[in-house]
């Protein structure tokens, strides 16, 4: 079954709503899933798993692929921090220092991939 993707227009609308203050679950979920989708499309690979519970997780970044168990490179954060990182309103180093993101593994530094390219 093909993976379901979020239309760029729908993603942009949801992201704009969240940036405008919306806390509606549908807006937050769509904004998170779309920005993660954009990351995975722009930096394809399987070496880092980026998790934003409870909304979504993607694998991205070129490198060694894991096949079972917990991946060796994991990034986990909440929706607000992820959206701020994805849009460039929060820098990676600031997020790590403030413990707004958990990153484990030698490839789990997303600095060079943020902000996410949101143009479609």
PDB file of N, CA and C in Angstrom:
ATOM      1  N   UNK A   1       0.844  -1.182   0.000  1.00  0.00           N
ATOM      2  CA  UNK A   1       0.000   0.000   0.000  1.00  0.00           C
ATOM      3  C   UNK A   1       0.885   1.240   0.000  1.00  0.00           C
ATOM      4  N   UNK A   2       0.657   2.170  -0.934  1.00  0.00           N
ATOM      5  CA  UNK A   2       1.487   3.372  -0.980  1.00  0.00           C
ATOM      6  C   UNK A   2       1.283   4.238   0.257  1.00  0.00           C
ATOM      7  N   UNK A   3       2.358   4.896   0.614  1.00  0.00           N
ATOM      8  CA  UNK A   3       2.318   5.776   1.781  1.00  0.00           C
ATOM      9  C   UNK A   3       1.465   7.003   1.468  1.00  0.00           C
ATOM     10  N   UNK A   4       0.612   7.363   2.393  1.00  0.00           N
ATOM     11  CA  UNK A   4      -0.259   8.525   2.211  1.00  0.00           C
ATOM     12  C   UNK A   4       0.554   9.789   2.434  1.00  0.00           C
ATOM     13  N   UNK A   5       0.434  10.721   1.515  1.00  0.00           N
ATOM     14  CA  UNK A   5       1.159  11.975   1.668  1.00  0.00           C
ATOM     15  C   UNK A   5       0.179  13.125   1.861  1.00  0.00           C
ATOM     16  N   UNK A   6       0.686  14.156   2.481  1.00  0.00           N
ATOM     17  CA  UNK A   6      -0.113  15.360   2.722  1.00  0.00           C
ATOM     18  C   UNK A   6       0.166  16.340   1.591  1.00  0.00           C
ATOM     19  N   UNK A   7      -0.869  16.824   0.983  1.00  0.00           N
ATOM     20  CA  UNK A   7      -0.761  17.822  -0.071  1.00  0.00           C
ATOM     21  C   UNK A   7      -0.071  19.072   0.479  1.00  0.00           C
ATOM     22  N   UNK A   8       0.830  19.660  -0.325  1.00  0.00           N
ATOM     23  CA  UNK A   8       1.557  20.840   0.138  1.00  0.00           C
ATOM     24  C   UNK A   8       0.628  21.987   0.538  1.00  0.00           C
ATOM     25  N   UNK A   9      -0.445  22.176  -0.186  1.00  0.00           N
ATOM     26  CA  UNK A   9      -1.386  23.240   0.161  1.00  0.00           C
ATOM     27  C   UNK A   9      -2.029  23.012   1.516  1.00  0.00           C
ATOM     28  N   UNK A  10      -2.424  21.769   1.779  1.00  0.00           N
ATOM     29  CA  UNK A  10      -3.019  21.429   3.077  1.00  0.00           C
ATOM     30  C   UNK A  10      -1.990  21.584   4.192  1.00  0.00           C
ATOM     31  N   UNK A  11      -0.760  21.162   3.909  1.00  0.00           N
ATOM     32  CA  UNK A  11       0.301  21.288   4.904  1.00  0.00           C
ATOM     33  C   UNK A  11       0.601  22.739   5.233  1.00  0.00           C
ATOM     34  N   UNK A  12       0.721  23.563   4.196  1.00  0.00           N
ATOM     35  CA  UNK A  12       0.987  24.993   4.415  1.00  0.00           C
ATOM     36  C   UNK A  12      -0.141  25.652   5.201  1.00  0.00           C
ATOM     37  N   UNK A  13      -1.376  25.292   4.878  1.00  0.00           N
ATOM     38  CA  UNK A  13      -2.527  25.877   5.582  1.00  0.00           C
ATOM     39  C   UNK A  13      -2.516  25.503   7.063  1.00  0.00           C
ATOM     40  N   UNK A  14      -2.246  24.233   7.347  1.00  0.00           N
ATOM     41  CA  UNK A  14      -2.205  23.784   8.735  1.00  0.00           C
ATOM     42  C   UNK A  14      -1.053  24.448   9.480  1.00  0.00           C
ATOM     43  N   UNK A  15       0.102  24.539   8.831  1.00  0.00           N
ATOM     44  CA  UNK A  15       1.256  25.180   9.469  1.00  0.00           C
ATOM     45  C   UNK A  15       0.963  26.651   9.752  1.00  0.00           C
ATOM     46  N   UNK A  16       0.354  27.338   8.800  1.00  0.00           N
ATOM     47  CA  UNK A  16       0.006  28.745   9.010  1.00  0.00           C
ATOM     48  C   UNK A  16      -0.979  28.891  10.174  1.00  0.00           C
ATOM     49  N   UNK A  17      -1.932  27.980  10.260  1.00  0.00           N
ATOM     50  CA  UNK A  17      -2.902  28.034  11.358  1.00  0.00           C
ATOM     51  C   UNK A  17      -2.200  27.855  12.702  1.00  0.00           C
ATOM     52  N   UNK A  18      -1.285  26.896  12.789  1.00  0.00           N
ATOM     53  CA  UNK A  18      -0.559  26.654  14.041  1.00  0.00           C
ATOM     54  C   UNK A  18       0.326  27.852  14.375  1.00  0.00           C
ATOM     55  N   UNK A  19       1.009  28.377  13.390  1.00  0.00           N
ATOM     56  CA  UNK A  19       1.848  29.552  13.636  1.00  0.00           C
ATOM     57  C   UNK A  19       1.015  30.759  14.032  1.00  0.00           C
ATOM     58  N   UNK A  20      -0.245  30.765  13.624  1.00  0.00           N
ATOM     59  CA  UNK A  20      -1.153  31.838  14.004  1.00  0.00           C
ATOM     60  C   UNK A  20      -1.808  31.632  15.359  1.00  0.00           C
ATOM     61  N   UNK A  21      -1.492  30.501  16.009  1.00  0.00           N
ATOM     62  CA  UNK A  21      -2.004  30.279  17.345  1.00  0.00           C
ATOM     63  C   UNK A  21      -2.979  29.126  17.495  1.00  0.00           C
ATOM     64  N   UNK A  22      -3.331  28.460  16.398  1.00  0.00           N
ATOM     65  CA  UNK A  22      -4.259  27.340  16.502  1.00  0.00           C
ATOM     66  C   UNK A  22      -3.650  26.200  17.314  1.00  0.00           C
ATOM     67  N   UNK A  23      -4.455  25.647  18.192  1.00  0.00           N
ATOM     68  CA  UNK A  23      -4.043  24.462  18.947  1.00  0.00           C
ATOM     69  C   UNK A  23      -4.952  23.280  18.602  1.00  0.00           C
ATOM     70  N   UNK A  24      -5.753  23.443  17.562  1.00  0.00           N
ATOM     71  CA  UNK A  24      -6.643  22.363  17.134  1.00  0.00           C
ATOM     72  C   UNK A  24      -5.810  21.137  16.766  1.00  0.00           C
ATOM     73  N   UNK A  25      -6.190  19.990  17.288  1.00  0.00           N
ATOM     74  CA  UNK A  25      -5.427  18.764  17.065  1.00  0.00           C
ATOM     75  C   UNK A  25      -5.214  18.496  15.576  1.00  0.00           C
ATOM     76  N   UNK A  26      -6.227  18.700  14.757  1.00  0.00           N
ATOM     77  CA  UNK A  26      -6.097  18.438  13.323  1.00  0.00           C
ATOM     78  C   UNK A  26      -5.039  19.349  12.694  1.00  0.00           C
ATOM     79  N   UNK A  27      -5.009  20.611  13.085  1.00  0.00           N
ATOM     80  CA  UNK A  27      -4.013  21.543  12.544  1.00  0.00           C
ATOM     81  C   UNK A  27      -2.605  21.144  12.979  1.00  0.00           C
ATOM     82  N   UNK A  28      -2.435  20.855  14.267  1.00  0.00           N
ATOM     83  CA  UNK A  28      -1.116  20.490  14.784  1.00  0.00           C
ATOM     84  C   UNK A  28      -0.641  19.191  14.138  1.00  0.00           C
ATOM     85  N   UNK A  29      -1.514  18.191  14.080  1.00  0.00           N
ATOM     86  CA  UNK A  29      -1.145  16.906  13.493  1.00  0.00           C
ATOM     87  C   UNK A  29      -0.739  17.057  12.041  1.00  0.00           C
ATOM     88  N   UNK A  30      -1.510  17.803  11.269  1.00  0.00           N
ATOM     89  CA  UNK A  30      -1.191  17.983   9.851  1.00  0.00           C
ATOM     90  C   UNK A  30       0.100  18.767   9.683  1.00  0.00           C
ATOM     91  N   UNK A  31       0.299  19.807  10.468  1.00  0.00           N
ATOM     92  CA  UNK A  31       1.533  20.604  10.372  1.00  0.00           C
ATOM     93  C   UNK A  31       2.756  19.754  10.706  1.00  0.00           C
ATOM     94  N   UNK A  32       2.673  18.964  11.762  1.00  0.00           N
ATOM     95  CA  UNK A  32       3.795  18.102  12.153  1.00  0.00           C
ATOM     96  C   UNK A  32       4.051  17.063  11.077  1.00  0.00           C
ATOM     97  N   UNK A  33       3.017  16.374  10.660  1.00  0.00           N
ATOM     98  CA  UNK A  33       3.197  15.311   9.657  1.00  0.00           C
ATOM     99  C   UNK A  33       3.726  15.864   8.344  1.00  0.00           C
ATOM    100  N   UNK A  34       3.250  17.026   7.938  1.00  0.00           N
ATOM    101  CA  UNK A  34       3.704  17.607   6.676  1.00  0.00           C
ATOM    102  C   UNK A  34       5.164  18.043   6.754  1.00  0.00           C
ATOM    103  N   UNK A  35       5.557  18.685   7.843  1.00  0.00           N
ATOM    104  CA  UNK A  35       6.959  19.111   7.945  1.00  0.00           C
ATOM    105  C   UNK A  35       7.895  17.908   8.061  1.00  0.00           C
ATOM    106  N   UNK A  36       7.470  16.850   8.738  1.00  0.00           N
ATOM    107  CA  UNK A  36       8.264  15.623   8.768  1.00  0.00           C
ATOM    108  C   UNK A  36       8.337  14.994   7.371  1.00  0.00           C
ATOM    109  N   UNK A  37       7.230  15.010   6.674  1.00  0.00           N
ATOM    110  CA  UNK A  37       7.194  14.500   5.296  1.00  0.00           C
ATOM    111  C   UNK A  37       8.175  15.261   4.421  1.00  0.00           C
ATOM    112  N   UNK A  38       8.180  16.578   4.564  1.00  0.00           N
ATOM    113  CA  UNK A  38       9.093  17.406   3.760  1.00  0.00           C
ATOM    114  C   UNK A  38      10.553  17.068   4.096  1.00  0.00           C
ATOM    115  N   UNK A  39      10.864  16.871   5.383  1.00  0.00           N
ATOM    116  CA  UNK A  39      12.215  16.489   5.772  1.00  0.00           C
ATOM    117  C   UNK A  39      12.604  15.176   5.101  1.00  0.00           C
ATOM    118  N   UNK A  40      11.741  14.182   5.196  1.00  0.00           N
ATOM    119  CA  UNK A  40      12.038  12.866   4.629  1.00  0.00           C
ATOM    120  C   UNK A  40      12.171  12.919   3.110  1.00  0.00           C
ATOM    121  N   UNK A  41      11.413  13.794   2.460  1.00  0.00           N
ATOM    122  CA  UNK A  41      11.517  13.935   1.007  1.00  0.00           C
ATOM    123  C   UNK A  41      12.798  14.652   0.609  1.00  0.00           C
ATOM    124  N   UNK A  42      13.176  15.655   1.376  1.00  0.00           N
ATOM    125  CA  UNK A  42      14.341  16.469   1.031  1.00  0.00           C
ATOM    126  C   UNK A  42      15.662  15.818   1.422  1.00  0.00           C
ATOM    127  N   UNK A  43      15.651  15.001   2.462  1.00  0.00           N
ATOM    128  CA  UNK A  43      16.868  14.341   2.939  1.00  0.00           C
ATOM    129  C   UNK A  43      16.562  12.851   3.104  1.00  0.00           C
ATOM    130  N   UNK A  44      16.319  12.163   1.989  1.00  0.00           N
ATOM    131  CA  UNK A  44      15.918  10.762   2.085  1.00  0.00           C
ATOM    132  C   UNK A  44      17.015   9.882   2.666  1.00  0.00           C
ATOM    133  N   UNK A  45      16.591   8.865   3.357  1.00  0.00           N
ATOM    134  CA  UNK A  45      17.516   7.913   3.945  1.00  0.00           C
ATOM    135  C   UNK A  45      16.849   7.182   5.078  1.00  0.00           C
ATOM    136  N   UNK A  46      17.615   6.335   5.735  1.00  0.00           N
ATOM    137  CA  UNK A  46      17.061   5.529   6.808  1.00  0.00           C
ATOM    138  C   UNK A  46      17.953   5.497   8.033  1.00  0.00           C
ATOM    139  N   UNK A  47      18.856   6.439   8.163  1.00  0.00           N
ATOM    140  CA  UNK A  47      19.804   6.340   9.275  1.00  0.00           C
ATOM    141  C   UNK A  47      19.341   7.048  10.549  1.00  0.00           C
ATOM    142  N   UNK A  48      18.368   7.952  10.450  1.00  0.00           N
ATOM    143  CA  UNK A  48      17.879   8.673  11.632  1.00  0.00           C
ATOM    144  C   UNK A  48      16.359   8.584  11.669  1.00  0.00           C
ATOM    145  N   UNK A  49      15.834   8.231  12.825  1.00  0.00           N
ATOM    146  CA  UNK A  49      14.389   8.254  13.003  1.00  0.00           C
ATOM    147  C   UNK A  49      14.036   9.517  13.773  1.00  0.00           C
ATOM    148  N   UNK A  50      13.160  10.331  13.196  1.00  0.00           N
ATOM    149  CA  UNK A  50      12.714  11.567  13.834  1.00  0.00           C
ATOM    150  C   UNK A  50      11.288  11.324  14.315  1.00  0.00           C
ATOM    151  N   UNK A  51      11.101  11.437  15.628  1.00  0.00           N
ATOM    152  CA  UNK A  51       9.808  11.141  16.250  1.00  0.00           C
ATOM    153  C   UNK A  51       9.206  12.390  16.876  1.00  0.00           C
ATOM    154  N   UNK A  52       7.924  12.593  16.596  1.00  0.00           N
ATOM    155  CA  UNK A  52       7.159  13.669  17.240  1.00  0.00           C
ATOM    156  C   UNK A  52       5.853  13.030  17.744  1.00  0.00           C
ATOM    157  N   UNK A  53       5.945  12.372  18.912  1.00  0.00           N
ATOM    158  CA  UNK A  53       4.751  11.692  19.417  1.00  0.00           C
ATOM    159  C   UNK A  53       3.697  12.696  19.870  1.00  0.00           C
ATOM    160  N   UNK A  54       2.449  12.382  19.736  1.00  0.00           N
ATOM    161  CA  UNK A  54       1.887  11.151  19.200  1.00  0.00           C
ATOM    162  C   UNK A  54       1.573  11.224  17.714  1.00  0.00           C
ATOM    163  N   UNK A  55       2.128  12.201  17.034  1.00  0.00           N
ATOM    164  CA  UNK A  55       1.702  12.495  15.671  1.00  0.00           C
ATOM    165  C   UNK A  55       2.354  11.662  14.573  1.00  0.00           C
ATOM    166  N   UNK A  56       3.658  11.523  14.597  1.00  0.00           N
ATOM    167  CA  UNK A  56       4.310  10.827  13.492  1.00  0.00           C
ATOM    168  C   UNK A  56       5.779  10.584  13.786  1.00  0.00           C
ATOM    169  N   UNK A  57       6.358   9.736  12.958  1.00  0.00           N
ATOM    170  CA  UNK A  57       7.795   9.489  12.966  1.00  0.00           C
ATOM    171  C   UNK A  57       8.195   9.196  11.519  1.00  0.00           C
ATOM    172  N   UNK A  58       9.384   9.648  11.150  1.00  0.00           N
ATOM    173  CA  UNK A  58       9.899   9.359   9.810  1.00  0.00           C
ATOM    174  C   UNK A  58      11.357   8.940   9.917  1.00  0.00           C
ATOM    175  N   UNK A  59      11.798   8.251   8.895  1.00  0.00           N
ATOM    176  CA  UNK A  59      13.214   7.951   8.768  1.00  0.00           C
ATOM    177  C   UNK A  59      13.756   8.828   7.656  1.00  0.00           C
ATOM    178  N   UNK A  60      14.925   9.397   7.905  1.00  0.00           N
ATOM    179  CA  UNK A  60      15.538  10.309   6.949  1.00  0.00           C
ATOM    180  C   UNK A  60      17.053  10.249   7.123  1.00  0.00           C
ATOM    181  N   UNK A  61      17.754  11.017   6.381  1.00  0.00           N
ATOM    182  CA  UNK A  61      19.199  11.203   6.442  1.00  0.00           C
ATOM    183  C   UNK A  61      19.921   9.970   5.863  1.00  0.00           C
ATOM    184  N   UNK A  62      20.743  10.175   4.856  1.00  0.00           N
ATOM    185  CA  UNK A  62      21.489   9.057   4.281  1.00  0.00           C
ATOM    186  C   UNK A  62      22.445   8.436   5.301  1.00  0.00           C
ATOM    187  N   UNK A  63      22.676   7.165   5.139  1.00  0.00           N
ATOM    188  CA  UNK A  63      23.601   6.455   6.012  1.00  0.00           C
ATOM    189  C   UNK A  63      23.163   5.030   6.203  1.00  0.00           C
ATOM    190  N   UNK A  64      23.771   4.345   7.153  1.00  0.00           N
ATOM    191  CA  UNK A  64      23.435   2.941   7.383  1.00  0.00           C
ATOM    192  C   UNK A  64      21.969   2.766   7.768  1.00  0.00           C
ATOM    193  N   UNK A  65      21.385   1.728   7.226  1.00  0.00           N
ATOM    194  CA  UNK A  65      19.976   1.419   7.488  1.00  0.00           C
ATOM    195  C   UNK A  65      19.885   0.433   8.647  1.00  0.00           C
ATOM    196  N   UNK A  66      18.917   0.669   9.533  1.00  0.00           N
ATOM    197  CA  UNK A  66      18.672  -0.322  10.583  1.00  0.00           C
ATOM    198  C   UNK A  66      17.437  -1.118  10.187  1.00  0.00           C
ATOM    199  N   UNK A  67      17.359  -2.358  10.637  1.00  0.00           N
ATOM    200  CA  UNK A  67      16.238  -3.191  10.220  1.00  0.00           C
ATOM    201  C   UNK A  67      15.364  -3.688  11.370  1.00  0.00           C
ATOM    202  N   UNK A  68      15.932  -3.788  12.566  1.00  0.00           N
ATOM    203  CA  UNK A  68      15.124  -4.292  13.683  1.00  0.00           C
ATOM    204  C   UNK A  68      15.456  -3.545  14.964  1.00  0.00           C
ATOM    205  N   UNK A  69      14.471  -3.494  15.845  1.00  0.00           N
ATOM    206  CA  UNK A  69      14.702  -2.890  17.149  1.00  0.00           C
ATOM    207  C   UNK A  69      14.786  -1.384  17.092  1.00  0.00           C
ATOM    208  N   UNK A  70      15.292  -0.816  18.154  1.00  0.00           N
ATOM    209  CA  UNK A  70      15.432   0.630  18.254  1.00  0.00           C
ATOM    210  C   UNK A  70      16.542   1.101  17.326  1.00  0.00           C
ATOM    211  N   UNK A  71      16.266   2.089  16.506  1.00  0.00           N
ATOM    212  CA  UNK A  71      17.301   2.585  15.606  1.00  0.00           C
ATOM    213  C   UNK A  71      18.461   3.198  16.402  1.00  0.00           C
ATOM    214  N   UNK A  72      19.675   3.156  15.860  1.00  0.00           N
ATOM    215  CA  UNK A  72      20.822   3.703  16.577  1.00  0.00           C
ATOM    216  C   UNK A  72      20.836   5.232  16.636  1.00  0.00           C
ATOM    217  N   UNK A  73      20.103   5.883  15.760  1.00  0.00           N
ATOM    218  CA  UNK A  73      20.062   7.344  15.709  1.00  0.00           C
ATOM    219  C   UNK A  73      18.610   7.791  15.798  1.00  0.00           C
ATOM    220  N   UNK A  74      18.261   8.414  16.922  1.00  0.00           N
ATOM    221  CA  UNK A  74      16.875   8.806  17.165  1.00  0.00           C
ATOM    222  C   UNK A  74      16.828  10.256  17.632  1.00  0.00           C
ATOM    223  N   UNK A  75      15.891  10.991  17.055  1.00  0.00           N
ATOM    224  CA  UNK A  75      15.592  12.347  17.500  1.00  0.00           C
ATOM    225  C   UNK A  75      14.136  12.343  17.929  1.00  0.00           C
ATOM    226  N   UNK A  76      13.863  12.861  19.114  1.00  0.00           N
ATOM    227  CA  UNK A  76      12.482  12.914  19.590  1.00  0.00           C
ATOM    228  C   UNK A  76      12.226  14.275  20.215  1.00  0.00           C
ATOM    229  N   UNK A  77      11.060  14.823  19.906  1.00  0.00           N
ATOM    230  CA  UNK A  77      10.682  16.127  20.441  1.00  0.00           C
ATOM    231  C   UNK A  77       9.165  16.247  20.441  1.00  0.00           C
ATOM    232  N   UNK A  78       8.660  17.312  21.019  1.00  0.00           N
ATOM    233  CA  UNK A  78       7.215  17.537  21.006  1.00  0.00           C
ATOM    234  C   UNK A  78       6.836  18.364  19.783  1.00  0.00           C
ATOM    235  N   UNK A  79       5.549  18.493  19.561  1.00  0.00           N
ATOM    236  CA  UNK A  79       5.050  19.166  18.363  1.00  0.00           C
ATOM    237  C   UNK A  79       5.490  20.626  18.282  1.00  0.00           C
ATOM    238  N   UNK A  80       5.384  21.359  19.374  1.00  0.00           N
ATOM    239  CA  UNK A  80       5.742  22.786  19.349  1.00  0.00           C
ATOM    240  C   UNK A  80       7.224  22.980  19.023  1.00  0.00           C
ATOM    241  N   UNK A  81       8.080  22.195  19.653  1.00  0.00           N
ATOM    242  CA  UNK A  81       9.514  22.318  19.380  1.00  0.00           C
ATOM    243  C   UNK A  81       9.828  21.903  17.949  1.00  0.00           C
ATOM    244  N   UNK A  82       9.194  20.819  17.469  1.00  0.00           N
ATOM    245  CA  UNK A  82       9.458  20.379  16.094  1.00  0.00           C
ATOM    246  C   UNK A  82       9.053  21.460  15.088  1.00  0.00           C
ATOM    247  N   UNK A  83       7.887  22.031  15.264  1.00  0.00           N
ATOM    248  CA  UNK A  83       7.438  23.065  14.324  1.00  0.00           C
ATOM    249  C   UNK A  83       8.388  24.259  14.368  1.00  0.00           C
ATOM    250  N   UNK A  84       8.836  24.630  15.549  1.00  0.00           N
ATOM    251  CA  UNK A  84       9.791  25.744  15.665  1.00  0.00           C
ATOM    252  C   UNK A  84      11.112  25.395  14.973  1.00  0.00           C
ATOM    253  N   UNK A  85      11.585  24.174  15.150  1.00  0.00           N
ATOM    254  CA  UNK A  85      12.814  23.744  14.473  1.00  0.00           C
ATOM    255  C   UNK A  85      12.619  23.712  12.959  1.00  0.00           C
ATOM    256  N   UNK A  86      11.511  23.125  12.525  1.00  0.00           N
ATOM    257  CA  UNK A  86      11.243  22.967  11.097  1.00  0.00           C
ATOM    258  C   UNK A  86      11.117  24.302  10.375  1.00  0.00           C
ATOM    259  N   UNK A  87      10.621  25.313  11.078  1.00  0.00           N
ATOM    260  CA  UNK A  87      10.410  26.619  10.449  1.00  0.00           C
ATOM    261  C   UNK A  87      11.538  27.606  10.710  1.00  0.00           C
ATOM    262  N   UNK A  88      12.501  27.200  11.526  1.00  0.00           N
ATOM    263  CA  UNK A  88      13.652  28.066  11.767  1.00  0.00           C
ATOM    264  C   UNK A  88      13.480  29.078  12.875  1.00  0.00           C
ATOM    265  N   UNK A  89      12.409  28.972  13.653  1.00  0.00           N
ATOM    266  CA  UNK A  89      12.247  29.907  14.765  1.00  0.00           C
ATOM    267  C   UNK A  89      12.953  29.411  16.025  1.00  0.00           C
ATOM    268  N   UNK A  90      13.473  28.183  15.977  1.00  0.00           N
ATOM    269  CA  UNK A  90      14.274  27.616  17.058  1.00  0.00           C
ATOM    270  C   UNK A  90      15.466  26.920  16.428  1.00  0.00           C
ATOM    271  N   UNK A  91      16.654  27.237  16.910  1.00  0.00           N
ATOM    272  CA  UNK A  91      17.867  26.594  16.388  1.00  0.00           C
ATOM    273  C   UNK A  91      18.103  25.269  17.085  1.00  0.00           C
ATOM    274  N   UNK A  92      18.719  24.343  16.379  1.00  0.00           N
ATOM    275  CA  UNK A  92      19.001  23.015  16.906  1.00  0.00           C
ATOM    276  C   UNK A  92      19.763  23.075  18.231  1.00  0.00           C
ATOM    277  N   UNK A  93      20.845  23.849  18.254  1.00  0.00           N
ATOM    278  CA  UNK A  93      21.661  23.911  19.466  1.00  0.00           C
ATOM    279  C   UNK A  93      20.870  24.466  20.644  1.00  0.00           C
ATOM    280  N   UNK A  94      20.003  25.433  20.395  1.00  0.00           N
ATOM    281  CA  UNK A  94      19.157  25.980  21.454  1.00  0.00           C
ATOM    282  C   UNK A  94      18.177  24.918  21.975  1.00  0.00           C
ATOM    283  N   UNK A  95      17.604  24.155  21.057  1.00  0.00           N
ATOM    284  CA  UNK A  95      16.642  23.123  21.441  1.00  0.00           C
ATOM    285  C   UNK A  95      17.309  22.037  22.279  1.00  0.00           C
ATOM    286  N   UNK A  96      18.506  21.622  21.877  1.00  0.00           N
ATOM    287  CA  UNK A  96      19.231  20.597  22.628  1.00  0.00           C
ATOM    288  C   UNK A  96      19.610  21.131  24.006  1.00  0.00           C
ATOM    289  N   UNK A  97      20.139  22.345  24.047  1.00  0.00           N
ATOM    290  CA  UNK A  97      20.569  22.942  25.319  1.00  0.00           C
ATOM    291  C   UNK A  97      19.406  23.102  26.293  1.00  0.00           C
ATOM    292  N   UNK A  98      18.237  23.432  25.764  1.00  0.00           N
ATOM    293  CA  UNK A  98      17.061  23.631  26.609  1.00  0.00           C
ATOM    294  C   UNK A  98      16.305  22.322  26.865  1.00  0.00           C
ATOM    295  N   UNK A  99      16.855  21.209  26.413  1.00  0.00           N
ATOM    296  CA  UNK A  99      16.236  19.888  26.567  1.00  0.00           C
ATOM    297  C   UNK A  99      14.852  19.814  25.933  1.00  0.00           C
ATOM    298  N   UNK A 100      14.675  20.540  24.833  1.00  0.00           N
ATOM    299  CA  UNK A 100      13.413  20.484  24.102  1.00  0.00           C
ATOM    300  C   UNK A 100      13.443  19.393  23.046  1.00  0.00           C
ATOM    301  N   UNK A 101      14.623  18.813  22.849  1.00  0.00           N
ATOM    302  CA  UNK A 101      14.797  17.718  21.909  1.00  0.00           C
ATOM    303  C   UNK A 101      15.744  16.702  22.534  1.00  0.00           C
ATOM    304  N   UNK A 102      15.462  15.441  22.286  1.00  0.00           N
ATOM    305  CA  UNK A 102      16.345  14.360  22.709  1.00  0.00           C
ATOM    306  C   UNK A 102      16.962  13.779  21.445  1.00  0.00           C
ATOM    307  N   UNK A 103      18.279  13.714  21.409  1.00  0.00           N
ATOM    308  CA  UNK A 103      18.968  13.196  20.228  1.00  0.00           C
ATOM    309  C   UNK A 103      20.019  12.195  20.667  1.00  0.00           C
ATOM    310  N   UNK A 104      19.927  10.981  20.141  1.00  0.00           N
ATOM    311  CA  UNK A 104      20.917   9.970  20.476  1.00  0.00           C
ATOM    312  C   UNK A 104      21.456   9.348  19.197  1.00  0.00           C
ATOM    313  N   UNK A 105      22.736   9.078  19.201  1.00  0.00           N
ATOM    314  CA  UNK A 105      23.380   8.480  18.044  1.00  0.00           C
ATOM    315  C   UNK A 105      24.282   9.474  17.342  1.00  0.00           C
ATOM    316  N   UNK A 106      25.258   8.947  16.654  1.00  0.00           N
ATOM    317  CA  UNK A 106      26.270   9.789  16.016  1.00  0.00           C
ATOM    318  C   UNK A 106      25.735  10.611  14.849  1.00  0.00           C
ATOM    319  N   UNK A 107      24.601  10.246  14.281  1.00  0.00           N
ATOM    320  CA  UNK A 107      24.030  10.973  13.142  1.00  0.00           C
ATOM    321  C   UNK A 107      22.792  11.790  13.525  1.00  0.00           C
ATOM    322  N   UNK A 108      22.512  11.889  14.807  1.00  0.00           N
ATOM    323  CA  UNK A 108      21.259  12.494  15.256  1.00  0.00           C
ATOM    324  C   UNK A 108      21.308  14.006  15.414  1.00  0.00           C
ATOM    325  N   UNK A 109      22.269  14.664  14.798  1.00  0.00           N
ATOM    326  CA  UNK A 109      22.334  16.130  14.798  1.00  0.00           C
ATOM    327  C   UNK A 109      21.720  16.620  13.495  1.00  0.00           C
ATOM    328  N   UNK A 110      20.589  17.300  13.575  1.00  0.00           N
ATOM    329  CA  UNK A 110      19.872  17.746  12.378  1.00  0.00           C
ATOM    330  C   UNK A 110      20.225  19.168  11.945  1.00  0.00           C
ATOM    331  N   UNK A 111      21.255  19.752  12.538  1.00  0.00           N
ATOM    332  CA  UNK A 111      21.602  21.144  12.257  1.00  0.00           C
ATOM    333  C   UNK A 111      21.617  21.466  10.770  1.00  0.00           C
ATOM    334  N   UNK A 112      22.288  20.655   9.980  1.00  0.00           N
ATOM    335  CA  UNK A 112      22.442  20.988   8.558  1.00  0.00           C
ATOM    336  C   UNK A 112      21.166  20.784   7.744  1.00  0.00           C
ATOM    337  N   UNK A 113      20.135  20.183   8.342  1.00  0.00           N
ATOM    338  CA  UNK A 113      18.900  19.915   7.612  1.00  0.00           C
ATOM    339  C   UNK A 113      17.743  20.818   8.045  1.00  0.00           C
ATOM    340  N   UNK A 114      18.024  21.732   8.960  1.00  0.00           N
ATOM    341  CA  UNK A 114      17.004  22.637   9.486  1.00  0.00           C
ATOM    342  C   UNK A 114      17.351  24.072   9.168  1.00  0.00           C
ATOM    343  N   UNK A 115      16.368  24.926   8.927  1.00  0.00           N
ATOM    344  CA  UNK A 115      14.947  24.600   8.864  1.00  0.00           C
ATOM    345  C   UNK A 115      14.634  23.721   7.648  1.00  0.00           C
ATOM    346  N   UNK A 116      13.500  23.052   7.716  1.00  0.00           N
ATOM    347  CA  UNK A 116      13.053  22.188   6.632  1.00  0.00           C
ATOM    348  C   UNK A 116      12.674  23.051   5.444  1.00  0.00           C
ATOM    349  N   UNK A 117      13.015  22.580   4.255  1.00  0.00           N
ATOM    350  CA  UNK A 117      12.631  23.296   3.032  1.00  0.00           C
ATOM    351  C   UNK A 117      11.132  23.097   2.825  1.00  0.00           C
ATOM    352  N   UNK A 118      10.368  24.148   3.001  1.00  0.00           N
ATOM    353  CA  UNK A 118       8.916  24.044   2.968  1.00  0.00           C
ATOM    354  C   UNK A 118       8.297  24.459   1.633  1.00  0.00           C
ATOM    355  N   UNK A 119       9.115  24.894   0.708  1.00  0.00           N
ATOM    356  CA  UNK A 119       8.604  25.226  -0.621  1.00  0.00           C
ATOM    357  C   UNK A 119       8.316  23.940  -1.359  1.00  0.00           C
ATOM    358  N   UNK A 120       7.180  23.875  -2.053  1.00  0.00           N
ATOM    359  CA  UNK A 120       6.802  22.649  -2.723  1.00  0.00           C
ATOM    360  C   UNK A 120       7.154  22.550  -4.129  1.00  0.00           C
TER     361      UNK A 120
END
